Amino acid sequence: MSTYHLTFSIYYNKKEWHKLINEIHTLVKDDKRIFNYFLNLSTFRGGHVEFTIEVGKKHSKTCVKHFSGCIEKFLETTPSSNKSLDTINDVFFLDFPNNTIHYGVHDYVPIFRANNQPFESIADINHQITGLIITIFQDFGEETVGMTIEIAIQIMALFCLISEKELGSAITFFNTLLQKEFKKHKTEYVEDAQKLGLINFNDNRNEILGYLEDTMLKKVGSQKEAWEIEWESLVSKSRFQNKTSENQDLIYELLIDAIFNKLDIRNKGETYLIFLAALNTLENSKR
């Protein structure tokens, strides 16, 4: 069966993304015409949510009409504020107006792709990452966008618990992620990230260490938030059977990087540094 990826770029103040994401989830969750749906967050040319649905050929036209109408009505009845718009400006193109919908602006490109990966399909993992992002916004609500670094630290701490990584192996794993991130940027970015990472860690040292100690000592039966349950399921499903630890860590790296990209965390280097500083502090305290 031939399928189509219908793409909608919805420009909406990022401080109110939780409203738009909840609306999108309500629209798609029970629609039997949709095989899959994916979300991506971006501030390029204006804060917006990239919404992609995968449908069969016979439903493509009706789905475009239906979702366009629903989203346009939402933008009319629940517009986001035009104040304090956060964007990444482009020197060649103007930002799109806030509270507007555009078609074909972004292409559907799976943000998680890996050879010999353990999932049933690439669409499966991308869909599950979308589900995790939706649940994070539902759990954190209007505070989500302002807490992306804190949420990222929680994601990494829980990952260590779920994947059963000891402190030493966790430090090696996240240092690899950090070095790969630094290779993408110029020296100025690296130097700024190193300074800000250490400053932010020291400013929030007690809170971060307290959270890590509590999280990494959690017992299996302890109470969890909805997003934590989804994240645990996602990490568990990503495990290889009878594969080397190097191959497994590559999948984990791609998974975490994909989630941070979806959350539009642009200061990933700084975020990894904060977490590594906490891990190294815990490791040194054991000696």
C-alpha atoms as a PDB file:
ATOM      1  CA  MET A   1       0.000   0.000   0.000  1.00  0.00           C
ATOM      2  CA  SER A   2       1.401   3.390  -0.981  1.00  0.00           C
ATOM      3  CA  THR A   3       1.526   5.954   1.795  1.00  0.00           C
ATOM      4  CA  TYR A   4       1.817   9.722   1.885  1.00  0.00           C
ATOM      5  CA  HIS A   5       3.487  11.943   4.454  1.00  0.00           C
ATOM      6  CA  LEU A   6       1.417  15.103   4.900  1.00  0.00           C
ATOM      7  CA  THR A   7       3.381  17.906   6.540  1.00  0.00           C
ATOM      8  CA  PHE A   8       1.981  20.871   8.448  1.00  0.00           C
ATOM      9  CA  SER A   9       4.218  23.595   9.940  1.00  0.00           C
ATOM     10  CA  ILE A  10       2.234  25.412  12.620  1.00  0.00           C
ATOM     11  CA  TYR A  11       3.747  28.686  13.823  1.00  0.00           C
ATOM     12  CA  TYR A  12       2.827  29.250  17.456  1.00  0.00           C
ATOM     13  CA  ASN A  13       4.605  30.998  20.333  1.00  0.00           C
ATOM     14  CA  LYS A  14       6.876  28.365  21.907  1.00  0.00           C
ATOM     15  CA  LYS A  15       5.878  29.419  25.423  1.00  0.00           C
ATOM     16  CA  GLU A  16       2.412  28.054  24.603  1.00  0.00           C
ATOM     17  CA  TRP A  17       3.410  24.950  22.658  1.00  0.00           C
ATOM     18  CA  HIS A  18       1.750  22.749  25.272  1.00  0.00           C
ATOM     19  CA  LYS A  19      -1.676  23.991  24.113  1.00  0.00           C
ATOM     20  CA  LEU A  20      -0.980  23.238  20.463  1.00  0.00           C
ATOM     21  CA  ILE A  21       0.568  19.832  21.166  1.00  0.00           C
ATOM     22  CA  ASN A  22      -2.408  18.790  23.292  1.00  0.00           C
ATOM     23  CA  GLU A  23      -4.740  19.872  20.484  1.00  0.00           C
ATOM     24  CA  ILE A  24      -2.786  17.886  17.886  1.00  0.00           C
ATOM     25  CA  HIS A  25      -2.794  14.820  20.118  1.00  0.00           C
ATOM     26  CA  THR A  26      -6.564  15.098  20.558  1.00  0.00           C
ATOM     27  CA  LEU A  27      -7.022  15.283  16.788  1.00  0.00           C
ATOM     28  CA  VAL A  28      -4.898  12.285  15.853  1.00  0.00           C
ATOM     29  CA  LYS A  29      -5.090   9.783  18.707  1.00  0.00           C
ATOM     30  CA  ASP A  30      -8.276   8.031  17.583  1.00  0.00           C
ATOM     31  CA  ASP A  31      -8.237   8.760  13.838  1.00  0.00           C
ATOM     32  CA  LYS A  32      -8.239   5.365  12.097  1.00  0.00           C
ATOM     33  CA  ARG A  33      -7.151   6.864   8.766  1.00  0.00           C
ATOM     34  CA  ILE A  34      -3.702   7.647  10.150  1.00  0.00           C
ATOM     35  CA  PHE A  35      -0.978   5.007  10.124  1.00  0.00           C
ATOM     36  CA  ASN A  36       1.476   7.145  12.062  1.00  0.00           C
ATOM     37  CA  TYR A  37       2.106  10.702  13.166  1.00  0.00           C
ATOM     38  CA  PHE A  38       5.231  12.589  14.167  1.00  0.00           C
ATOM     39  CA  LEU A  39       6.076  15.888  15.857  1.00  0.00           C
ATOM     40  CA  ASN A  40       9.191  18.012  15.797  1.00  0.00           C
ATOM     41  CA  LEU A  41       9.796  21.339  17.544  1.00  0.00           C
ATOM     42  CA  SER A  42      11.751  24.191  15.997  1.00  0.00           C
ATOM     43  CA  THR A  43      12.383  27.924  16.245  1.00  0.00           C
ATOM     44  CA  PHE A  44      13.877  28.282  12.768  1.00  0.00           C
ATOM     45  CA  ARG A  45      12.056  31.142  10.989  1.00  0.00           C
ATOM     46  CA  GLY A  46       9.704  31.386  13.958  1.00  0.00           C
ATOM     47  CA  GLY A  47       8.680  29.071  16.781  1.00  0.00           C
ATOM     48  CA  HIS A  48       6.631  26.240  15.329  1.00  0.00           C
ATOM     49  CA  VAL A  49       5.575  22.622  15.607  1.00  0.00           C
ATOM     50  CA  GLU A  50       6.264  20.408  12.605  1.00  0.00           C
ATOM     51  CA  PHE A  51       3.377  17.967  12.378  1.00  0.00           C
ATOM     52  CA  THR A  52       3.529  15.019   9.972  1.00  0.00           C
ATOM     53  CA  ILE A  53       0.891  12.354   9.403  1.00  0.00           C
ATOM     54  CA  GLU A  54       1.287   9.150   7.428  1.00  0.00           C
ATOM     55  CA  VAL A  55      -1.836   8.113   5.540  1.00  0.00           C
ATOM     56  CA  GLY A  56      -2.905   5.926   2.637  1.00  0.00           C
ATOM     57  CA  LYS A  57      -3.430   7.452  -0.800  1.00  0.00           C
ATOM     58  CA  LYS A  58      -7.224   7.255  -0.659  1.00  0.00           C
ATOM     59  CA  HIS A  59      -7.359   9.333   2.543  1.00  0.00           C
ATOM     60  CA  SER A  60      -4.702  11.926   1.691  1.00  0.00           C
ATOM     61  CA  LYS A  61      -7.004  14.650   0.326  1.00  0.00           C
ATOM     62  CA  THR A  62      -9.668  14.271   3.015  1.00  0.00           C
ATOM     63  CA  CYS A  63      -7.015  14.294   5.753  1.00  0.00           C
ATOM     64  CA  VAL A  64      -5.414  17.475   4.426  1.00  0.00           C
ATOM     65  CA  LYS A  65      -8.806  19.179   4.388  1.00  0.00           C
ATOM     66  CA  HIS A  66      -9.830  17.847   7.807  1.00  0.00           C
ATOM     67  CA  PHE A  67      -6.630  18.638   9.706  1.00  0.00           C
ATOM     68  CA  SER A  68      -6.159  21.983   7.980  1.00  0.00           C
ATOM     69  CA  GLY A  69      -9.664  23.015   9.012  1.00  0.00           C
ATOM     70  CA  CYS A  70      -9.235  21.831  12.604  1.00  0.00           C
ATOM     71  CA  ILE A  71      -5.870  23.520  13.068  1.00  0.00           C
ATOM     72  CA  GLU A  72      -7.003  26.779  11.443  1.00  0.00           C
ATOM     73  CA  LYS A  73     -10.016  26.826  13.772  1.00  0.00           C
ATOM     74  CA  PHE A  74      -7.744  26.218  16.769  1.00  0.00           C
ATOM     75  CA  LEU A  75      -5.456  29.088  15.727  1.00  0.00           C
ATOM     76  CA  GLU A  76      -8.491  31.342  15.391  1.00  0.00           C
ATOM     77  CA  THR A  77     -10.051  30.439  18.745  1.00  0.00           C
ATOM     78  CA  THR A  78      -6.838  29.887  20.759  1.00  0.00           C
ATOM     79  CA  PRO A  79      -4.155  32.148  19.283  1.00  0.00           C
ATOM     80  CA  SER A  80      -0.802  32.355  21.021  1.00  0.00           C
ATOM     81  CA  SER A  81       0.701  35.623  22.199  1.00  0.00           C
ATOM     82  CA  ASN A  82       2.764  37.693  19.776  1.00  0.00           C
ATOM     83  CA  LYS A  83       4.935  38.903  22.668  1.00  0.00           C
ATOM     84  CA  SER A  84       8.460  37.606  23.342  1.00  0.00           C
ATOM     85  CA  LEU A  85       8.630  35.394  20.267  1.00  0.00           C
ATOM     86  CA  ASP A  86      11.771  33.242  20.338  1.00  0.00           C
ATOM     87  CA  THR A  87      13.239  32.615  16.893  1.00  0.00           C
ATOM     88  CA  ILE A  88      16.380  31.687  15.032  1.00  0.00           C
ATOM     89  CA  ASN A  89      16.464  34.312  12.318  1.00  0.00           C
ATOM     90  CA  ASP A  90      17.653  33.463   8.831  1.00  0.00           C
ATOM     91  CA  VAL A  91      19.594  36.012   6.833  1.00  0.00           C
ATOM     92  CA  PHE A  92      17.809  35.092   3.606  1.00  0.00           C
ATOM     93  CA  PHE A  93      14.220  34.501   4.716  1.00  0.00           C
ATOM     94  CA  LEU A  94      11.794  36.338   6.966  1.00  0.00           C
ATOM     95  CA  ASP A  95      10.115  34.502   9.836  1.00  0.00           C
ATOM     96  CA  PHE A  96       6.650  33.151   9.173  1.00  0.00           C
ATOM     97  CA  PRO A  97       3.856  35.028  10.996  1.00  0.00           C
ATOM     98  CA  ASN A  98       2.809  33.691  14.370  1.00  0.00           C
ATOM     99  CA  ASN A  99      -0.496  31.754  14.543  1.00  0.00           C
ATOM    100  CA  THR A 100      -0.334  30.557  10.937  1.00  0.00           C
ATOM    101  CA  ILE A 101      -0.163  27.164   9.259  1.00  0.00           C
ATOM    102  CA  HIS A 102       1.965  26.341   6.228  1.00  0.00           C
ATOM    103  CA  TYR A 103       2.238  23.261   4.031  1.00  0.00           C
ATOM    104  CA  GLY A 104       5.274  21.541   2.567  1.00  0.00           C
ATOM    105  CA  VAL A 105       7.699  23.826   4.428  1.00  0.00           C
ATOM    106  CA  HIS A 106       9.425  20.874   6.056  1.00  0.00           C
ATOM    107  CA  ASP A 107      10.057  17.415   4.656  1.00  0.00           C
ATOM    108  CA  TYR A 108       9.430  14.309   6.679  1.00  0.00           C
ATOM    109  CA  VAL A 109      12.850  12.925   7.538  1.00  0.00           C
ATOM    110  CA  PRO A 110      13.050  10.288  10.297  1.00  0.00           C
ATOM    111  CA  ILE A 111      15.148  11.841  13.057  1.00  0.00           C
ATOM    112  CA  PHE A 112      16.179   8.415  14.285  1.00  0.00           C
ATOM    113  CA  ARG A 113      17.966   6.252  11.743  1.00  0.00           C
ATOM    114  CA  ALA A 114      20.394   3.454  12.507  1.00  0.00           C
ATOM    115  CA  ASN A 115      21.643   0.353  10.742  1.00  0.00           C
ATOM    116  CA  ASN A 116      20.695  -2.979  12.305  1.00  0.00           C
ATOM    117  CA  GLN A 117      18.577  -1.251  14.907  1.00  0.00           C
ATOM    118  CA  PRO A 118      16.439  -3.439  17.222  1.00  0.00           C
ATOM    119  CA  PHE A 119      13.071  -1.800  16.562  1.00  0.00           C
ATOM    120  CA  GLU A 120      10.425  -3.286  14.300  1.00  0.00           C
ATOM    121  CA  SER A 121      10.671  -0.254  12.052  1.00  0.00           C
ATOM    122  CA  ILE A 122      12.147   3.227  11.911  1.00  0.00           C
ATOM    123  CA  ALA A 123       8.596   4.606  11.924  1.00  0.00           C
ATOM    124  CA  ASP A 124       7.960   2.717  15.176  1.00  0.00           C
ATOM    125  CA  ILE A 125      10.794   4.390  17.077  1.00  0.00           C
ATOM    126  CA  ASN A 126      10.057   7.840  15.644  1.00  0.00           C
ATOM    127  CA  HIS A 127       6.405   7.455  16.613  1.00  0.00           C
ATOM    128  CA  GLN A 128       7.340   6.395  20.146  1.00  0.00           C
ATOM    129  CA  ILE A 129       9.671   9.386  20.516  1.00  0.00           C
ATOM    130  CA  THR A 130       6.756  11.595  19.443  1.00  0.00           C
ATOM    131  CA  GLY A 131       4.593   9.915  22.091  1.00  0.00           C
ATOM    132  CA  LEU A 132       7.231  10.629  24.733  1.00  0.00           C
ATOM    133  CA  ILE A 133       7.433  14.305  23.737  1.00  0.00           C
ATOM    134  CA  ILE A 134       3.637  14.637  23.914  1.00  0.00           C
ATOM    135  CA  THR A 135       3.557  13.047  27.382  1.00  0.00           C
ATOM    136  CA  ILE A 136       6.362  15.323  28.616  1.00  0.00           C
ATOM    137  CA  PHE A 137       4.330  18.366  27.532  1.00  0.00           C
ATOM    138  CA  GLN A 138       1.218  16.926  29.180  1.00  0.00           C
ATOM    139  CA  ASP A 139       3.069  16.284  32.454  1.00  0.00           C
ATOM    140  CA  PHE A 140       5.004  19.571  32.623  1.00  0.00           C
ATOM    141  CA  GLY A 141       2.397  21.761  30.877  1.00  0.00           C
ATOM    142  CA  GLU A 142       3.249  25.424  30.402  1.00  0.00           C
ATOM    143  CA  GLU A 143       6.539  24.972  32.275  1.00  0.00           C
ATOM    144  CA  THR A 144       7.955  22.548  29.669  1.00  0.00           C
ATOM    145  CA  VAL A 145       9.733  25.015  27.383  1.00  0.00           C
ATOM    146  CA  GLY A 146      11.363  26.856  30.283  1.00  0.00           C
ATOM    147  CA  MET A 147      12.574  23.600  31.836  1.00  0.00           C
ATOM    148  CA  THR A 148      14.181  21.821  28.889  1.00  0.00           C
ATOM    149  CA  ILE A 149      17.614  21.536  30.549  1.00  0.00           C
ATOM    150  CA  GLU A 150      16.063  20.230  33.782  1.00  0.00           C
ATOM    151  CA  ILE A 151      13.955  17.755  31.799  1.00  0.00           C
ATOM    152  CA  ALA A 152      17.026  16.674  29.811  1.00  0.00           C
ATOM    153  CA  ILE A 153      18.903  15.994  33.065  1.00  0.00           C
ATOM    154  CA  GLN A 154      15.994  13.898  34.306  1.00  0.00           C
ATOM    155  CA  ILE A 155      15.939  11.987  31.007  1.00  0.00           C
ATOM    156  CA  MET A 156      19.669  11.230  31.299  1.00  0.00           C
ATOM    157  CA  ALA A 157      19.474  10.251  34.965  1.00  0.00           C
ATOM    158  CA  LEU A 158      16.592   7.870  34.327  1.00  0.00           C
ATOM    159  CA  PHE A 159      18.442   6.462  31.345  1.00  0.00           C
ATOM    160  CA  CYS A 160      21.333   5.472  33.618  1.00  0.00           C
ATOM    161  CA  LEU A 161      18.901   3.714  35.933  1.00  0.00           C
ATOM    162  CA  ILE A 162      16.945   1.933  33.191  1.00  0.00           C
ATOM    163  CA  SER A 163      20.016   0.859  31.210  1.00  0.00           C
ATOM    164  CA  GLU A 164      21.708  -0.272  34.428  1.00  0.00           C
ATOM    165  CA  LYS A 165      24.824   1.792  33.778  1.00  0.00           C
ATOM    166  CA  GLU A 166      27.238   2.185  36.666  1.00  0.00           C
ATOM    167  CA  LEU A 167      28.708   5.648  37.276  1.00  0.00           C
ATOM    168  CA  GLY A 168      31.959   4.872  35.461  1.00  0.00           C
ATOM    169  CA  SER A 169      30.287   3.576  32.302  1.00  0.00           C
ATOM    170  CA  ALA A 170      27.732   6.408  32.406  1.00  0.00           C
ATOM    171  CA  ILE A 171      30.553   8.971  32.491  1.00  0.00           C
ATOM    172  CA  THR A 172      32.223   7.321  29.494  1.00  0.00           C
ATOM    173  CA  PHE A 173      28.926   7.164  27.596  1.00  0.00           C
ATOM    174  CA  PHE A 174      27.956  10.813  28.098  1.00  0.00           C
ATOM    175  CA  ASN A 175      31.494  12.036  27.505  1.00  0.00           C
ATOM    176  CA  THR A 176      31.297  10.344  24.088  1.00  0.00           C
ATOM    177  CA  LEU A 177      28.052  12.187  23.384  1.00  0.00           C
ATOM    178  CA  LEU A 178      29.639  15.456  24.505  1.00  0.00           C
ATOM    179  CA  GLN A 179      32.691  15.064  22.261  1.00  0.00           C
ATOM    180  CA  LYS A 180      30.506  14.190  19.266  1.00  0.00           C
ATOM    181  CA  GLU A 181      28.437  17.299  19.930  1.00  0.00           C
ATOM    182  CA  PHE A 182      31.509  19.516  20.214  1.00  0.00           C
ATOM    183  CA  LYS A 183      32.802  18.282  16.859  1.00  0.00           C
ATOM    184  CA  LYS A 184      29.747  19.857  15.203  1.00  0.00           C
ATOM    185  CA  HIS A 185      30.633  23.355  16.427  1.00  0.00           C
ATOM    186  CA  LYS A 186      33.323  26.003  16.325  1.00  0.00           C
ATOM    187  CA  THR A 187      35.824  26.602  19.141  1.00  0.00           C
ATOM    188  CA  GLU A 188      33.835  29.605  20.450  1.00  0.00           C
ATOM    189  CA  TYR A 189      30.762  27.432  21.048  1.00  0.00           C
ATOM    190  CA  VAL A 190      32.818  24.808  22.871  1.00  0.00           C
ATOM    191  CA  GLU A 191      34.467  27.372  25.136  1.00  0.00           C
ATOM    192  CA  ASP A 192      31.139  29.055  25.952  1.00  0.00           C
ATOM    193  CA  ALA A 193      29.460  25.709  26.640  1.00  0.00           C
ATOM    194  CA  GLN A 194      32.268  24.648  28.970  1.00  0.00           C
ATOM    195  CA  LYS A 195      32.020  27.870  30.969  1.00  0.00           C
ATOM    196  CA  LEU A 196      28.218  27.942  31.156  1.00  0.00           C
ATOM    197  CA  GLY A 197      27.974  24.228  31.936  1.00  0.00           C
ATOM    198  CA  LEU A 198      30.195  24.527  34.998  1.00  0.00           C
ATOM    199  CA  ILE A 199      28.540  27.777  36.135  1.00  0.00           C
ATOM    200  CA  ASN A 200      25.059  26.264  35.884  1.00  0.00           C
ATOM    201  CA  PHE A 201      26.148  23.093  37.656  1.00  0.00           C
ATOM    202  CA  ASN A 202      27.704  25.013  40.549  1.00  0.00           C
ATOM    203  CA  ASP A 203      24.674  27.319  40.813  1.00  0.00           C
ATOM    204  CA  ASN A 204      22.336  24.317  41.074  1.00  0.00           C
ATOM    205  CA  ARG A 205      24.729  21.777  42.553  1.00  0.00           C
ATOM    206  CA  ASN A 206      22.649  20.603  45.514  1.00  0.00           C
ATOM    207  CA  GLU A 207      19.409  20.246  43.546  1.00  0.00           C
ATOM    208  CA  ILE A 208      21.067  18.328  40.688  1.00  0.00           C
ATOM    209  CA  LEU A 209      23.035  15.987  42.937  1.00  0.00           C
ATOM    210  CA  GLY A 210      19.998  15.390  45.129  1.00  0.00           C
ATOM    211  CA  TYR A 211      17.887  14.479  42.117  1.00  0.00           C
ATOM    212  CA  LEU A 212      20.536  12.138  40.697  1.00  0.00           C
ATOM    213  CA  GLU A 213      21.028  10.363  44.002  1.00  0.00           C
ATOM    214  CA  ASP A 214      17.280   9.889  44.446  1.00  0.00           C
ATOM    215  CA  THR A 215      16.689   8.821  40.839  1.00  0.00           C
ATOM    216  CA  MET A 216      19.590   6.420  40.475  1.00  0.00           C
ATOM    217  CA  LEU A 217      18.575   4.674  43.692  1.00  0.00           C
ATOM    218  CA  LYS A 218      14.911   4.320  42.707  1.00  0.00           C
ATOM    219  CA  LYS A 219      13.445   0.871  43.100  1.00  0.00           C
ATOM    220  CA  VAL A 220      11.499  -0.785  40.304  1.00  0.00           C
ATOM    221  CA  GLY A 221       8.198  -0.516  42.139  1.00  0.00           C
ATOM    222  CA  SER A 222       8.478   3.165  43.027  1.00  0.00           C
ATOM    223  CA  GLN A 223       5.841   5.593  41.766  1.00  0.00           C
ATOM    224  CA  LYS A 224       6.596   7.152  38.388  1.00  0.00           C
ATOM    225  CA  GLU A 225       5.248   9.934  36.224  1.00  0.00           C
ATOM    226  CA  ALA A 226       3.595   9.026  32.901  1.00  0.00           C
ATOM    227  CA  TRP A 227       6.553  10.306  30.867  1.00  0.00           C
ATOM    228  CA  GLU A 228       8.989   8.293  32.989  1.00  0.00           C
ATOM    229  CA  ILE A 229       7.044   5.115  32.233  1.00  0.00           C
ATOM    230  CA  GLU A 230       7.141   5.876  28.500  1.00  0.00           C
ATOM    231  CA  TRP A 231      10.863   6.612  28.624  1.00  0.00           C
ATOM    232  CA  GLU A 232      11.530   3.356  30.476  1.00  0.00           C
ATOM    233  CA  SER A 233       9.583   1.461  27.812  1.00  0.00           C
ATOM    234  CA  LEU A 234      11.465   3.200  25.014  1.00  0.00           C
ATOM    235  CA  VAL A 235      14.910   2.455  26.473  1.00  0.00           C
ATOM    236  CA  SER A 236      13.941  -1.147  27.209  1.00  0.00           C
ATOM    237  CA  LYS A 237      12.715  -1.695  23.649  1.00  0.00           C
ATOM    238  CA  SER A 238      15.973  -0.321  22.259  1.00  0.00           C
ATOM    239  CA  ARG A 239      18.040  -3.090  23.762  1.00  0.00           C
ATOM    240  CA  PHE A 240      19.784  -5.453  21.390  1.00  0.00           C
ATOM    241  CA  GLN A 241      19.804  -9.165  21.948  1.00  0.00           C
ATOM    242  CA  ASN A 242      23.258 -10.793  21.790  1.00  0.00           C
ATOM    243  CA  LYS A 243      25.036  -7.673  20.500  1.00  0.00           C
ATOM    244  CA  THR A 244      28.211  -5.935  21.673  1.00  0.00           C
ATOM    245  CA  SER A 245      28.024  -3.092  24.185  1.00  0.00           C
ATOM    246  CA  GLU A 246      29.544  -0.756  21.574  1.00  0.00           C
ATOM    247  CA  ASN A 247      26.637  -1.357  19.185  1.00  0.00           C
ATOM    248  CA  GLN A 248      24.151  -0.975  22.017  1.00  0.00           C
ATOM    249  CA  ASP A 249      25.635   2.318  23.136  1.00  0.00           C
ATOM    250  CA  LEU A 250      25.453   3.638  19.577  1.00  0.00           C
ATOM    251  CA  ILE A 251      21.709   3.017  19.576  1.00  0.00           C
ATOM    252  CA  TYR A 252      21.380   4.705  22.968  1.00  0.00           C
ATOM    253  CA  GLU A 253      23.373   7.709  21.696  1.00  0.00           C
ATOM    254  CA  LEU A 254      21.125   8.086  18.664  1.00  0.00           C
ATOM    255  CA  LEU A 255      18.022   7.740  20.830  1.00  0.00           C
ATOM    256  CA  ILE A 256      19.000  10.467  23.319  1.00  0.00           C
ATOM    257  CA  ASP A 257      20.237  12.783  20.568  1.00  0.00           C
ATOM    258  CA  ALA A 258      16.953  12.341  18.669  1.00  0.00           C
ATOM    259  CA  ILE A 259      14.873  13.198  21.738  1.00  0.00           C
ATOM    260  CA  PHE A 260      16.929  16.305  22.489  1.00  0.00           C
ATOM    261  CA  ASN A 261      16.565  17.401  18.859  1.00  0.00           C
ATOM    262  CA  LYS A 262      12.801  16.944  19.053  1.00  0.00           C
ATOM    263  CA  LEU A 263      12.693  19.042  22.228  1.00  0.00           C
ATOM    264  CA  ASP A 264      14.645  21.739  20.358  1.00  0.00           C
ATOM    265  CA  ILE A 265      17.455  21.721  22.932  1.00  0.00           C
ATOM    266  CA  ARG A 266      20.001  23.890  21.148  1.00  0.00           C
ATOM    267  CA  ASN A 267      22.554  23.971  24.000  1.00  0.00           C
ATOM    268  CA  LYS A 268      23.173  20.222  24.107  1.00  0.00           C
ATOM    269  CA  GLY A 269      26.881  20.664  24.853  1.00  0.00           C
ATOM    270  CA  GLU A 270      26.158  22.687  27.964  1.00  0.00           C
ATOM    271  CA  THR A 271      23.491  20.196  29.025  1.00  0.00           C
ATOM    272  CA  TYR A 272      25.844  17.215  28.711  1.00  0.00           C
ATOM    273  CA  LEU A 273      28.520  19.121  30.653  1.00  0.00           C
ATOM    274  CA  ILE A 274      26.153  19.835  33.550  1.00  0.00           C
ATOM    275  CA  PHE A 275      25.213  16.187  33.760  1.00  0.00           C
ATOM    276  CA  LEU A 276      28.815  14.995  33.472  1.00  0.00           C
ATOM    277  CA  ALA A 277      29.879  17.375  36.245  1.00  0.00           C
ATOM    278  CA  ALA A 278      27.230  15.815  38.470  1.00  0.00           C
ATOM    279  CA  LEU A 279      28.244  12.255  37.581  1.00  0.00           C
ATOM    280  CA  ASN A 280      31.930  13.000  38.223  1.00  0.00           C
ATOM    281  CA  THR A 281      31.067  14.579  41.579  1.00  0.00           C
ATOM    282  CA  LEU A 282      29.153  11.461  42.618  1.00  0.00           C
ATOM    283  CA  GLU A 283      31.982   9.226  41.397  1.00  0.00           C
ATOM    284  CA  ASN A 284      34.630  11.225  43.294  1.00  0.00           C
ATOM    285  CA  SER A 285      32.560  11.123  46.485  1.00  0.00           C
ATOM    286  CA  LYS A 286      32.811   7.314  46.476  1.00  0.00           C
ATOM    287  CA  ARG A 287      36.606   7.380  46.648  1.00  0.00           C
END
